[in-house]
């Protein structure tokens, strides 16, 4: 389960930032998680609960903002949602779109300290 290694790395980065600010505790870690990031939200939340034990983040909240998949359609010229789950076809014109404009994110965007 790679979600455990992701949780451990999120906590490591947050602890480093907390120490640099002189914080005693991490309250919230906010992340952006893309629909097609390859990270299973439930597994990440489960792994996070174990990974925070004994760290500055123990008892903290993992706030997850889900980012939907959007395709860059060369025909329509704008980001569009996929026509169906796990497809790479434009929902407007049904053209095959090889590039995602969003939905692959896995970013730590916010840390709240005490």
PDB file of N, CA and C in Angstrom:
ATOM      1  N   UNK A   1       0.851  -1.178   0.000  1.00  0.00           N
ATOM      2  CA  UNK A   1       0.000   0.000   0.000  1.00  0.00           C
ATOM      3  C   UNK A   1       0.899   1.244   0.000  1.00  0.00           C
ATOM      4  N   UNK A   2       0.980   1.915  -1.148  1.00  0.00           N
ATOM      5  CA  UNK A   2       1.850   3.091  -1.233  1.00  0.00           C
ATOM      6  C   UNK A   2       1.269   4.294  -0.503  1.00  0.00           C
ATOM      7  N   UNK A   3       0.004   4.245  -0.131  1.00  0.00           N
ATOM      8  CA  UNK A   3      -0.596   5.348   0.617  1.00  0.00           C
ATOM      9  C   UNK A   3       0.091   5.560   1.963  1.00  0.00           C
ATOM     10  N   UNK A   4       0.601   4.498   2.566  1.00  0.00           N
ATOM     11  CA  UNK A   4       1.327   4.644   3.835  1.00  0.00           C
ATOM     12  C   UNK A   4       2.593   5.462   3.632  1.00  0.00           C
ATOM     13  N   UNK A   5       3.346   5.173   2.584  1.00  0.00           N
ATOM     14  CA  UNK A   5       4.569   5.951   2.337  1.00  0.00           C
ATOM     15  C   UNK A   5       4.230   7.404   1.999  1.00  0.00           C
ATOM     16  N   UNK A   6       3.107   7.634   1.349  1.00  0.00           N
ATOM     17  CA  UNK A   6       2.670   9.004   1.056  1.00  0.00           C
ATOM     18  C   UNK A   6       2.321   9.722   2.353  1.00  0.00           C
ATOM     19  N   UNK A   7       1.576   9.054   3.226  1.00  0.00           N
ATOM     20  CA  UNK A   7       1.206   9.651   4.519  1.00  0.00           C
ATOM     21  C   UNK A   7       2.447   9.986   5.338  1.00  0.00           C
ATOM     22  N   UNK A   8       3.402   9.079   5.375  1.00  0.00           N
ATOM     23  CA  UNK A   8       4.646   9.302   6.127  1.00  0.00           C
ATOM     24  C   UNK A   8       5.388  10.515   5.570  1.00  0.00           C
ATOM     25  N   UNK A   9       5.439  10.638   4.255  1.00  0.00           N
ATOM     26  CA  UNK A   9       6.144  11.771   3.637  1.00  0.00           C
ATOM     27  C   UNK A   9       5.406  13.086   3.891  1.00  0.00           C
ATOM     28  N   UNK A  10       4.075  13.079   3.832  1.00  0.00           N
ATOM     29  CA  UNK A  10       3.307  14.287   4.150  1.00  0.00           C
ATOM     30  C   UNK A  10       3.617  14.760   5.565  1.00  0.00           C
ATOM     31  N   UNK A  11       3.645  13.821   6.495  1.00  0.00           N
ATOM     32  CA  UNK A  11       3.919  14.154   7.891  1.00  0.00           C
ATOM     33  C   UNK A  11       5.344  14.659   8.063  1.00  0.00           C
ATOM     34  N   UNK A  12       6.295  14.040   7.372  1.00  0.00           N
ATOM     35  CA  UNK A  12       7.693  14.483   7.456  1.00  0.00           C
ATOM     36  C   UNK A  12       7.820  15.930   6.990  1.00  0.00           C
ATOM     37  N   UNK A  13       7.209  16.256   5.870  1.00  0.00           N
ATOM     38  CA  UNK A  13       7.277  17.617   5.327  1.00  0.00           C
ATOM     39  C   UNK A  13       6.594  18.598   6.274  1.00  0.00           C
ATOM     40  N   UNK A  14       5.432  18.224   6.791  1.00  0.00           N
ATOM     41  CA  UNK A  14       4.706  19.098   7.709  1.00  0.00           C
ATOM     42  C   UNK A  14       5.481  19.313   9.010  1.00  0.00           C
ATOM     43  N   UNK A  15       6.103  18.252   9.529  1.00  0.00           N
ATOM     44  CA  UNK A  15       6.907  18.393  10.755  1.00  0.00           C
ATOM     45  C   UNK A  15       8.102  19.309  10.520  1.00  0.00           C
ATOM     46  N   UNK A  16       8.728  19.184   9.382  1.00  0.00           N
ATOM     47  CA  UNK A  16       9.864  20.043   9.051  1.00  0.00           C
ATOM     48  C   UNK A  16       9.427  21.514   9.034  1.00  0.00           C
ATOM     49  N   UNK A  17       8.276  21.776   8.417  1.00  0.00           N
ATOM     50  CA  UNK A  17       7.751  23.148   8.372  1.00  0.00           C
ATOM     51  C   UNK A  17       7.363  23.626   9.770  1.00  0.00           C
ATOM     52  N   UNK A  18       6.762  22.747  10.567  1.00  0.00           N
ATOM     53  CA  UNK A  18       6.355  23.112  11.931  1.00  0.00           C
ATOM     54  C   UNK A  18       7.571  23.471  12.777  1.00  0.00           C
ATOM     55  N   UNK A  19       8.606  22.668  12.691  1.00  0.00           N
ATOM     56  CA  UNK A  19       9.827  22.940  13.472  1.00  0.00           C
ATOM     57  C   UNK A  19      10.470  24.259  13.039  1.00  0.00           C
ATOM     58  N   UNK A  20      10.465  24.515  11.739  1.00  0.00           N
ATOM     59  CA  UNK A  20      11.040  25.758  11.231  1.00  0.00           C
ATOM     60  C   UNK A  20      10.286  26.974  11.757  1.00  0.00           C
ATOM     61  N   UNK A  21       8.996  26.814  12.044  1.00  0.00           N
ATOM     62  CA  UNK A  21       8.171  27.900  12.572  1.00  0.00           C
ATOM     63  C   UNK A  21       8.118  27.908  14.096  1.00  0.00           C
ATOM     64  N   UNK A  22       8.756  26.923  14.732  1.00  0.00           N
ATOM     65  CA  UNK A  22       8.734  26.835  16.180  1.00  0.00           C
ATOM     66  C   UNK A  22       7.407  26.328  16.740  1.00  0.00           C
ATOM     67  N   UNK A  23       6.627  25.668  15.902  1.00  0.00           N
ATOM     68  CA  UNK A  23       5.312  25.163  16.332  1.00  0.00           C
ATOM     69  C   UNK A  23       5.476  23.903  17.176  1.00  0.00           C
ATOM     70  N   UNK A  24       4.552  23.712  18.089  1.00  0.00           N
ATOM     71  CA  UNK A  24       4.574  22.555  18.979  1.00  0.00           C
ATOM     72  C   UNK A  24       3.717  21.405  18.461  1.00  0.00           C
ATOM     73  N   UNK A  25       2.768  21.745  17.603  1.00  0.00           N
ATOM     74  CA  UNK A  25       1.823  20.733  17.156  1.00  0.00           C
ATOM     75  C   UNK A  25       1.253  21.113  15.803  1.00  0.00           C
ATOM     76  N   UNK A  26       0.967  20.094  14.987  1.00  0.00           N
ATOM     77  CA  UNK A  26       0.296  20.294  13.701  1.00  0.00           C
ATOM     78  C   UNK A  26      -1.180  19.990  13.908  1.00  0.00           C
ATOM     79  N   UNK A  27      -2.031  20.912  13.505  1.00  0.00           N
ATOM     80  CA  UNK A  27      -3.470  20.746  13.684  1.00  0.00           C
ATOM     81  C   UNK A  27      -4.161  20.198  12.438  1.00  0.00           C
ATOM     82  N   UNK A  28      -3.789  20.744  11.282  1.00  0.00           N
ATOM     83  CA  UNK A  28      -4.439  20.369  10.017  1.00  0.00           C
ATOM     84  C   UNK A  28      -3.401  20.319   8.909  1.00  0.00           C
ATOM     85  N   UNK A  29      -3.534  19.313   8.064  1.00  0.00           N
ATOM     86  CA  UNK A  29      -2.774  19.254   6.820  1.00  0.00           C
ATOM     87  C   UNK A  29      -3.791  19.201   5.695  1.00  0.00           C
ATOM     88  N   UNK A  30      -3.745  20.181   4.824  1.00  0.00           N
ATOM     89  CA  UNK A  30      -4.660  20.232   3.690  1.00  0.00           C
ATOM     90  C   UNK A  30      -3.952  19.772   2.432  1.00  0.00           C
ATOM     91  N   UNK A  31      -4.581  18.843   1.730  1.00  0.00           N
ATOM     92  CA  UNK A  31      -3.992  18.370   0.483  1.00  0.00           C
ATOM     93  C   UNK A  31      -5.008  18.468  -0.651  1.00  0.00           C
ATOM     94  N   UNK A  32      -4.495  18.552  -1.859  1.00  0.00           N
ATOM     95  CA  UNK A  32      -5.310  18.452  -3.079  1.00  0.00           C
ATOM     96  C   UNK A  32      -5.008  17.089  -3.672  1.00  0.00           C
ATOM     97  N   UNK A  33      -6.043  16.309  -3.902  1.00  0.00           N
ATOM     98  CA  UNK A  33      -5.888  14.937  -4.382  1.00  0.00           C
ATOM     99  C   UNK A  33      -6.686  14.763  -5.660  1.00  0.00           C
ATOM    100  N   UNK A  34      -5.971  14.538  -6.751  1.00  0.00           N
ATOM    101  CA  UNK A  34      -6.612  14.371  -8.040  1.00  0.00           C
ATOM    102  C   UNK A  34      -7.316  13.027  -8.183  1.00  0.00           C
ATOM    103  N   UNK A  35      -8.418  13.066  -8.883  1.00  0.00           N
ATOM    104  CA  UNK A  35      -9.234  11.874  -9.151  1.00  0.00           C
ATOM    105  C   UNK A  35      -8.415  10.762  -9.804  1.00  0.00           C
ATOM    106  N   UNK A  36      -7.441  11.140 -10.610  1.00  0.00           N
ATOM    107  CA  UNK A  36      -6.607  10.152 -11.308  1.00  0.00           C
ATOM    108  C   UNK A  36      -5.159  10.177 -10.823  1.00  0.00           C
ATOM    109  N   UNK A  37      -4.968  10.483  -9.558  1.00  0.00           N
ATOM    110  CA  UNK A  37      -3.620  10.540  -8.983  1.00  0.00           C
ATOM    111  C   UNK A  37      -3.053   9.148  -8.723  1.00  0.00           C
ATOM    112  N   UNK A  38      -3.918   8.158  -8.662  1.00  0.00           N
ATOM    113  CA  UNK A  38      -3.471   6.809  -8.323  1.00  0.00           C
ATOM    114  C   UNK A  38      -3.461   6.569  -6.821  1.00  0.00           C
ATOM    115  N   UNK A  39      -3.920   7.560  -6.055  1.00  0.00           N
ATOM    116  CA  UNK A  39      -3.980   7.445  -4.599  1.00  0.00           C
ATOM    117  C   UNK A  39      -5.433   7.188  -4.204  1.00  0.00           C
ATOM    118  N   UNK A  40      -5.650   6.164  -3.417  1.00  0.00           N
ATOM    119  CA  UNK A  40      -6.992   5.830  -2.943  1.00  0.00           C
ATOM    120  C   UNK A  40      -7.249   6.611  -1.661  1.00  0.00           C
ATOM    121  N   UNK A  41      -8.233   7.485  -1.709  1.00  0.00           N
ATOM    122  CA  UNK A  41      -8.511   8.389  -0.587  1.00  0.00           C
ATOM    123  C   UNK A  41      -8.706   7.629   0.728  1.00  0.00           C
ATOM    124  N   UNK A  42      -9.555   6.610   0.724  1.00  0.00           N
ATOM    125  CA  UNK A  42      -9.816   5.860   1.963  1.00  0.00           C
ATOM    126  C   UNK A  42      -8.546   5.221   2.504  1.00  0.00           C
ATOM    127  N   UNK A  43      -7.722   4.685   1.631  1.00  0.00           N
ATOM    128  CA  UNK A  43      -6.473   4.055   2.066  1.00  0.00           C
ATOM    129  C   UNK A  43      -5.516   5.104   2.634  1.00  0.00           C
ATOM    130  N   UNK A  44      -5.477   6.289   2.025  1.00  0.00           N
ATOM    131  CA  UNK A  44      -4.621   7.363   2.533  1.00  0.00           C
ATOM    132  C   UNK A  44      -5.095   7.820   3.909  1.00  0.00           C
ATOM    133  N   UNK A  45      -6.389   7.982   4.076  1.00  0.00           N
ATOM    134  CA  UNK A  45      -6.922   8.390   5.378  1.00  0.00           C
ATOM    135  C   UNK A  45      -6.619   7.338   6.446  1.00  0.00           C
ATOM    136  N   UNK A  46      -6.753   6.084   6.098  1.00  0.00           N
ATOM    137  CA  UNK A  46      -6.453   4.999   7.030  1.00  0.00           C
ATOM    138  C   UNK A  46      -4.968   4.990   7.393  1.00  0.00           C
ATOM    139  N   UNK A  47      -4.113   5.116   6.397  1.00  0.00           N
ATOM    140  CA  UNK A  47      -2.666   5.130   6.626  1.00  0.00           C
ATOM    141  C   UNK A  47      -2.259   6.344   7.460  1.00  0.00           C
ATOM    142  N   UNK A  48      -2.881   7.475   7.208  1.00  0.00           N
ATOM    143  CA  UNK A  48      -2.576   8.709   7.937  1.00  0.00           C
ATOM    144  C   UNK A  48      -2.835   8.533   9.426  1.00  0.00           C
ATOM    145  N   UNK A  49      -3.948   7.873   9.768  1.00  0.00           N
ATOM    146  CA  UNK A  49      -4.296   7.660  11.179  1.00  0.00           C
ATOM    147  C   UNK A  49      -3.192   6.919  11.935  1.00  0.00           C
ATOM    148  N   UNK A  50      -2.546   5.983  11.277  1.00  0.00           N
ATOM    149  CA  UNK A  50      -1.452   5.237  11.914  1.00  0.00           C
ATOM    150  C   UNK A  50      -0.141   6.016  11.874  1.00  0.00           C
ATOM    151  N   UNK A  51       0.111   6.676  10.754  1.00  0.00           N
ATOM    152  CA  UNK A  51       1.392   7.351  10.551  1.00  0.00           C
ATOM    153  C   UNK A  51       1.596   8.546  11.479  1.00  0.00           C
ATOM    154  N   UNK A  52       0.516   9.185  11.927  1.00  0.00           N
ATOM    155  CA  UNK A  52       0.666  10.370  12.782  1.00  0.00           C
ATOM    156  C   UNK A  52       1.026  10.031  14.226  1.00  0.00           C
ATOM    157  N   UNK A  53       0.835   8.792  14.630  1.00  0.00           N
ATOM    158  CA  UNK A  53       1.092   8.410  16.022  1.00  0.00           C
ATOM    159  C   UNK A  53       2.540   8.690  16.400  1.00  0.00           C
ATOM    160  N   UNK A  54       2.730   9.402  17.503  1.00  0.00           N
ATOM    161  CA  UNK A  54       4.065   9.718  17.983  1.00  0.00           C
ATOM    162  C   UNK A  54       4.752  10.851  17.255  1.00  0.00           C
ATOM    163  N   UNK A  55       4.008  11.604  16.436  1.00  0.00           N
ATOM    164  CA  UNK A  55       4.593  12.728  15.695  1.00  0.00           C
ATOM    165  C   UNK A  55       3.953  14.034  16.156  1.00  0.00           C
ATOM    166  N   UNK A  56       4.455  15.153  15.648  1.00  0.00           N
ATOM    167  CA  UNK A  56       3.842  16.456  15.930  1.00  0.00           C
ATOM    168  C   UNK A  56       2.430  16.545  15.359  1.00  0.00           C
ATOM    169  N   UNK A  57       2.107  15.642  14.448  1.00  0.00           N
ATOM    170  CA  UNK A  57       0.798  15.653  13.800  1.00  0.00           C
ATOM    171  C   UNK A  57      -0.213  14.729  14.469  1.00  0.00           C
ATOM    172  N   UNK A  58       0.179  14.100  15.567  1.00  0.00           N
ATOM    173  CA  UNK A  58      -0.759  13.191  16.234  1.00  0.00           C
ATOM    174  C   UNK A  58      -2.023  13.959  16.627  1.00  0.00           C
ATOM    175  N   UNK A  59      -3.166  13.421  16.248  1.00  0.00           N
ATOM    176  CA  UNK A  59      -4.444  14.068  16.512  1.00  0.00           C
ATOM    177  C   UNK A  59      -4.846  15.099  15.469  1.00  0.00           C
ATOM    178  N   UNK A  60      -4.017  15.299  14.462  1.00  0.00           N
ATOM    179  CA  UNK A  60      -4.328  16.300  13.438  1.00  0.00           C
ATOM    180  C   UNK A  60      -5.368  15.768  12.452  1.00  0.00           C
ATOM    181  N   UNK A  61      -5.865  16.686  11.647  1.00  0.00           N
ATOM    182  CA  UNK A  61      -6.869  16.379  10.640  1.00  0.00           C
ATOM    183  C   UNK A  61      -6.225  16.424   9.264  1.00  0.00           C
ATOM    184  N   UNK A  62      -6.540  15.436   8.444  1.00  0.00           N
ATOM    185  CA  UNK A  62      -6.120  15.447   7.046  1.00  0.00           C
ATOM    186  C   UNK A  62      -7.308  15.949   6.233  1.00  0.00           C
ATOM    187  N   UNK A  63      -7.213  17.179   5.746  1.00  0.00           N
ATOM    188  CA  UNK A  63      -8.287  17.813   4.989  1.00  0.00           C
ATOM    189  C   UNK A  63      -7.995  17.601   3.501  1.00  0.00           C
ATOM    190  N   UNK A  64      -8.843  16.813   2.844  1.00  0.00           N
ATOM    191  CA  UNK A  64      -8.604  16.439   1.446  1.00  0.00           C
ATOM    192  C   UNK A  64      -9.586  17.151   0.528  1.00  0.00           C
ATOM    193  N   UNK A  65      -9.043  17.916  -0.402  1.00  0.00           N
ATOM    194  CA  UNK A  65      -9.835  18.533  -1.466  1.00  0.00           C
ATOM    195  C   UNK A  65      -9.673  17.653  -2.700  1.00  0.00           C
ATOM    196  N   UNK A  66     -10.755  17.088  -3.177  1.00  0.00           N
ATOM    197  CA  UNK A  66     -10.685  16.229  -4.355  1.00  0.00           C
ATOM    198  C   UNK A  66     -10.729  17.079  -5.614  1.00  0.00           C
ATOM    199  N   UNK A  67      -9.832  16.776  -6.556  1.00  0.00           N
ATOM    200  CA  UNK A  67      -9.732  17.522  -7.808  1.00  0.00           C
ATOM    201  C   UNK A  67     -10.212  16.615  -8.934  1.00  0.00           C
ATOM    202  N   UNK A  68     -11.274  17.013  -9.630  1.00  0.00           N
ATOM    203  CA  UNK A  68     -11.788  16.170 -10.707  1.00  0.00           C
ATOM    204  C   UNK A  68     -10.850  16.156 -11.916  1.00  0.00           C
ATOM    205  N   UNK A  69     -10.937  15.092 -12.677  1.00  0.00           N
ATOM    206  CA  UNK A  69     -10.142  14.979 -13.905  1.00  0.00           C
ATOM    207  C   UNK A  69     -10.707  15.919 -14.969  1.00  0.00           C
ATOM    208  N   UNK A  70      -9.823  16.599 -15.659  1.00  0.00           N
ATOM    209  CA  UNK A  70     -10.173  17.454 -16.788  1.00  0.00           C
ATOM    210  C   UNK A  70      -9.182  17.151 -17.901  1.00  0.00           C
ATOM    211  N   UNK A  71      -9.689  17.123 -19.117  1.00  0.00           N
ATOM    212  CA  UNK A  71      -8.861  16.834 -20.291  1.00  0.00           C
ATOM    213  C   UNK A  71      -8.609  18.117 -21.070  1.00  0.00           C
ATOM    214  N   UNK A  72      -7.445  18.197 -21.710  1.00  0.00           N
ATOM    215  CA  UNK A  72      -7.167  19.282 -22.648  1.00  0.00           C
ATOM    216  C   UNK A  72      -7.581  18.795 -24.018  1.00  0.00           C
ATOM    217  N   UNK A  73      -8.708  19.262 -24.501  1.00  0.00           N
ATOM    218  CA  UNK A  73      -9.210  18.810 -25.800  1.00  0.00           C
ATOM    219  C   UNK A  73      -8.659  19.696 -26.902  1.00  0.00           C
ATOM    220  N   UNK A  74      -7.938  19.086 -27.824  1.00  0.00           N
ATOM    221  CA  UNK A  74      -7.346  19.832 -28.936  1.00  0.00           C
ATOM    222  C   UNK A  74      -8.426  20.315 -29.906  1.00  0.00           C
ATOM    223  N   UNK A  75      -9.541  19.627 -29.979  1.00  0.00           N
ATOM    224  CA  UNK A  75     -10.614  19.999 -30.896  1.00  0.00           C
ATOM    225  C   UNK A  75     -11.453  21.134 -30.303  1.00  0.00           C
ATOM    226  N   UNK A  76     -11.906  20.960 -29.070  1.00  0.00           N
ATOM    227  CA  UNK A  76     -12.745  21.978 -28.413  1.00  0.00           C
ATOM    228  C   UNK A  76     -11.922  23.163 -27.924  1.00  0.00           C
ATOM    229  N   UNK A  77     -10.666  22.914 -27.612  1.00  0.00           N
ATOM    230  CA  UNK A  77      -9.786  23.982 -27.159  1.00  0.00           C
ATOM    231  C   UNK A  77      -9.981  24.408 -25.725  1.00  0.00           C
ATOM    232  N   UNK A  78     -10.596  23.562 -24.916  1.00  0.00           N
ATOM    233  CA  UNK A  78     -10.789  23.928 -23.514  1.00  0.00           C
ATOM    234  C   UNK A  78     -10.746  22.682 -22.641  1.00  0.00           C
ATOM    235  N   UNK A  79     -10.490  22.880 -21.341  1.00  0.00           N
ATOM    236  CA  UNK A  79     -10.527  21.726 -20.438  1.00  0.00           C
ATOM    237  C   UNK A  79     -11.961  21.214 -20.298  1.00  0.00           C
ATOM    238  N   UNK A  80     -12.130  19.925 -20.454  1.00  0.00           N
ATOM    239  CA  UNK A  80     -13.452  19.314 -20.322  1.00  0.00           C
ATOM    240  C   UNK A  80     -13.341  18.068 -19.457  1.00  0.00           C
ATOM    241  N   UNK A  81     -14.431  17.691 -18.810  1.00  0.00           N
ATOM    242  CA  UNK A  81     -14.388  16.433 -18.070  1.00  0.00           C
ATOM    243  C   UNK A  81     -14.362  15.257 -19.043  1.00  0.00           C
ATOM    244  N   UNK A  82     -13.829  14.128 -18.619  1.00  0.00           N
ATOM    245  CA  UNK A  82     -13.874  12.942 -19.477  1.00  0.00           C
ATOM    246  C   UNK A  82     -15.319  12.537 -19.746  1.00  0.00           C
ATOM    247  N   UNK A  83     -15.563  11.920 -20.895  1.00  0.00           N
ATOM    248  CA  UNK A  83     -16.907  11.497 -21.279  1.00  0.00           C
ATOM    249  C   UNK A  83     -17.454  10.430 -20.331  1.00  0.00           C
ATOM    250  N   UNK A  84     -16.581   9.589 -19.798  1.00  0.00           N
ATOM    251  CA  UNK A  84     -16.974   8.525 -18.873  1.00  0.00           C
ATOM    252  C   UNK A  84     -15.788   8.243 -17.955  1.00  0.00           C
ATOM    253  N   UNK A  85     -16.054   7.626 -16.806  1.00  0.00           N
ATOM    254  CA  UNK A  85     -14.941   7.287 -15.908  1.00  0.00           C
ATOM    255  C   UNK A  85     -13.884   6.444 -16.620  1.00  0.00           C
ATOM    256  N   UNK A  86     -12.642   6.742 -16.319  1.00  0.00           N
ATOM    257  CA  UNK A  86     -11.487   6.006 -16.844  1.00  0.00           C
ATOM    258  C   UNK A  86     -11.339   6.061 -18.354  1.00  0.00           C
ATOM    259  N   UNK A  87     -11.933   7.066 -18.979  1.00  0.00           N
ATOM    260  CA  UNK A  87     -11.722   7.263 -20.412  1.00  0.00           C
ATOM    261  C   UNK A  87     -10.904   8.529 -20.618  1.00  0.00           C
ATOM    262  N   UNK A  88     -10.419   8.694 -21.818  1.00  0.00           N
ATOM    263  CA  UNK A  88      -9.680   9.903 -22.179  1.00  0.00           C
ATOM    264  C   UNK A  88     -10.353  10.551 -23.386  1.00  0.00           C
ATOM    265  N   UNK A  89     -11.689  10.503 -23.406  1.00  0.00           N
ATOM    266  CA  UNK A  89     -12.460  11.123 -24.484  1.00  0.00           C
ATOM    267  C   UNK A  89     -13.180  12.357 -23.958  1.00  0.00           C
ATOM    268  N   UNK A  90     -13.188  13.391 -24.773  1.00  0.00           N
ATOM    269  CA  UNK A  90     -13.842  14.653 -24.433  1.00  0.00           C
ATOM    270  C   UNK A  90     -15.339  14.431 -24.256  1.00  0.00           C
ATOM    271  N   UNK A  91     -15.906  15.034 -23.231  1.00  0.00           N
ATOM    272  CA  UNK A  91     -17.340  14.894 -22.994  1.00  0.00           C
ATOM    273  C   UNK A  91     -18.174  15.750 -23.943  1.00  0.00           C
ATOM    274  N   UNK A  92     -17.534  16.679 -24.658  1.00  0.00           N
ATOM    275  CA  UNK A  92     -18.251  17.549 -25.588  1.00  0.00           C
ATOM    276  C   UNK A  92     -18.254  16.966 -26.999  1.00  0.00           C
ATOM    277  N   UNK A  93     -17.060  16.622 -27.505  1.00  0.00           N
ATOM    278  CA  UNK A  93     -16.963  16.193 -28.911  1.00  0.00           C
ATOM    279  C   UNK A  93     -16.566  14.727 -29.080  1.00  0.00           C
ATOM    280  N   UNK A  94     -16.282  14.038 -27.983  1.00  0.00           N
ATOM    281  CA  UNK A  94     -15.920  12.618 -27.995  1.00  0.00           C
ATOM    282  C   UNK A  94     -14.538  12.327 -28.607  1.00  0.00           C
ATOM    283  N   UNK A  95     -13.756  13.376 -28.880  1.00  0.00           N
ATOM    284  CA  UNK A  95     -12.397  13.178 -29.402  1.00  0.00           C
ATOM    285  C   UNK A  95     -11.503  12.596 -28.313  1.00  0.00           C
ATOM    286  N   UNK A  96     -10.525  11.815 -28.727  1.00  0.00           N
ATOM    287  CA  UNK A  96      -9.536  11.271 -27.812  1.00  0.00           C
ATOM    288  C   UNK A  96      -8.587  12.393 -27.394  1.00  0.00           C
ATOM    289  N   UNK A  97      -8.387  12.534 -26.096  1.00  0.00           N
ATOM    290  CA  UNK A  97      -7.540  13.593 -25.547  1.00  0.00           C
ATOM    291  C   UNK A  97      -6.421  12.945 -24.740  1.00  0.00           C
ATOM    292  N   UNK A  98      -5.205  13.014 -25.208  1.00  0.00           N
ATOM    293  CA  UNK A  98      -4.112  12.328 -24.511  1.00  0.00           C
ATOM    294  C   UNK A  98      -3.575  13.054 -23.279  1.00  0.00           C
ATOM    295  N   UNK A  99      -4.069  14.268 -22.999  1.00  0.00           N
ATOM    296  CA  UNK A  99      -3.471  15.059 -21.921  1.00  0.00           C
ATOM    297  C   UNK A  99      -4.507  15.502 -20.889  1.00  0.00           C
ATOM    298  N   UNK A 100      -4.179  15.288 -19.625  1.00  0.00           N
ATOM    299  CA  UNK A 100      -5.016  15.785 -18.531  1.00  0.00           C
ATOM    300  C   UNK A 100      -4.559  17.191 -18.145  1.00  0.00           C
ATOM    301  N   UNK A 101      -5.501  18.096 -17.932  1.00  0.00           N
ATOM    302  CA  UNK A 101      -5.146  19.422 -17.428  1.00  0.00           C
ATOM    303  C   UNK A 101      -5.245  19.453 -15.905  1.00  0.00           C
ATOM    304  N   UNK A 102      -6.005  18.536 -15.335  1.00  0.00           N
ATOM    305  CA  UNK A 102      -6.074  18.393 -13.880  1.00  0.00           C
ATOM    306  C   UNK A 102      -6.574  16.996 -13.544  1.00  0.00           C
ATOM    307  N   UNK A 103      -6.348  16.633 -12.289  1.00  0.00           N
ATOM    308  CA  UNK A 103      -6.823  15.340 -11.831  1.00  0.00           C
ATOM    309  C   UNK A 103      -5.725  14.388 -11.423  1.00  0.00           C
ATOM    310  N   UNK A 104      -4.456  14.796 -11.609  1.00  0.00           N
ATOM    311  CA  UNK A 104      -3.336  13.944 -11.209  1.00  0.00           C
ATOM    312  C   UNK A 104      -2.608  14.500  -9.986  1.00  0.00           C
ATOM    313  N   UNK A 105      -3.159  15.549  -9.387  1.00  0.00           N
ATOM    314  CA  UNK A 105      -2.518  16.239  -8.271  1.00  0.00           C
ATOM    315  C   UNK A 105      -2.418  15.365  -7.021  1.00  0.00           C
ATOM    316  N   UNK A 106      -1.382  15.622  -6.266  1.00  0.00           N
ATOM    317  CA  UNK A 106      -1.217  15.096  -4.912  1.00  0.00           C
ATOM    318  C   UNK A 106      -0.294  16.111  -4.250  1.00  0.00           C
ATOM    319  N   UNK A 107      -0.903  17.214  -3.779  1.00  0.00           N
ATOM    320  CA  UNK A 107      -0.126  18.349  -3.273  1.00  0.00           C
ATOM    321  C   UNK A 107      -0.508  18.682  -1.836  1.00  0.00           C
ATOM    322  N   UNK A 108       0.490  18.922  -1.031  1.00  0.00           N
ATOM    323  CA  UNK A 108       0.282  19.463   0.312  1.00  0.00           C
ATOM    324  C   UNK A 108       0.171  20.975   0.141  1.00  0.00           C
ATOM    325  N   UNK A 109      -1.006  21.525   0.429  1.00  0.00           N
ATOM    326  CA  UNK A 109      -1.234  22.942   0.151  1.00  0.00           C
ATOM    327  C   UNK A 109      -1.422  23.801   1.394  1.00  0.00           C
ATOM    328  N   UNK A 110      -1.637  23.142   2.558  1.00  0.00           N
ATOM    329  CA  UNK A 110      -1.887  23.934   3.762  1.00  0.00           C
ATOM    330  C   UNK A 110      -1.465  23.131   4.997  1.00  0.00           C
ATOM    331  N   UNK A 111      -0.807  23.836   5.921  1.00  0.00           N
ATOM    332  CA  UNK A 111      -0.464  23.252   7.221  1.00  0.00           C
ATOM    333  C   UNK A 111      -0.859  24.276   8.270  1.00  0.00           C
ATOM    334  N   UNK A 112      -1.649  23.828   9.238  1.00  0.00           N
ATOM    335  CA  UNK A 112      -2.025  24.716  10.348  1.00  0.00           C
ATOM    336  C   UNK A 112      -1.320  24.206  11.599  1.00  0.00           C
ATOM    337  N   UNK A 113      -0.663  25.142  12.306  1.00  0.00           N
ATOM    338  CA  UNK A 113       0.133  24.806  13.491  1.00  0.00           C
ATOM    339  C   UNK A 113      -0.510  25.352  14.752  1.00  0.00           C
ATOM    340  N   UNK A 114      -0.044  24.845  15.869  1.00  0.00           N
ATOM    341  CA  UNK A 114      -0.390  25.399  17.173  1.00  0.00           C
ATOM    342  C   UNK A 114       0.884  25.930  17.778  1.00  0.00           C
TER     343      UNK A 114
END
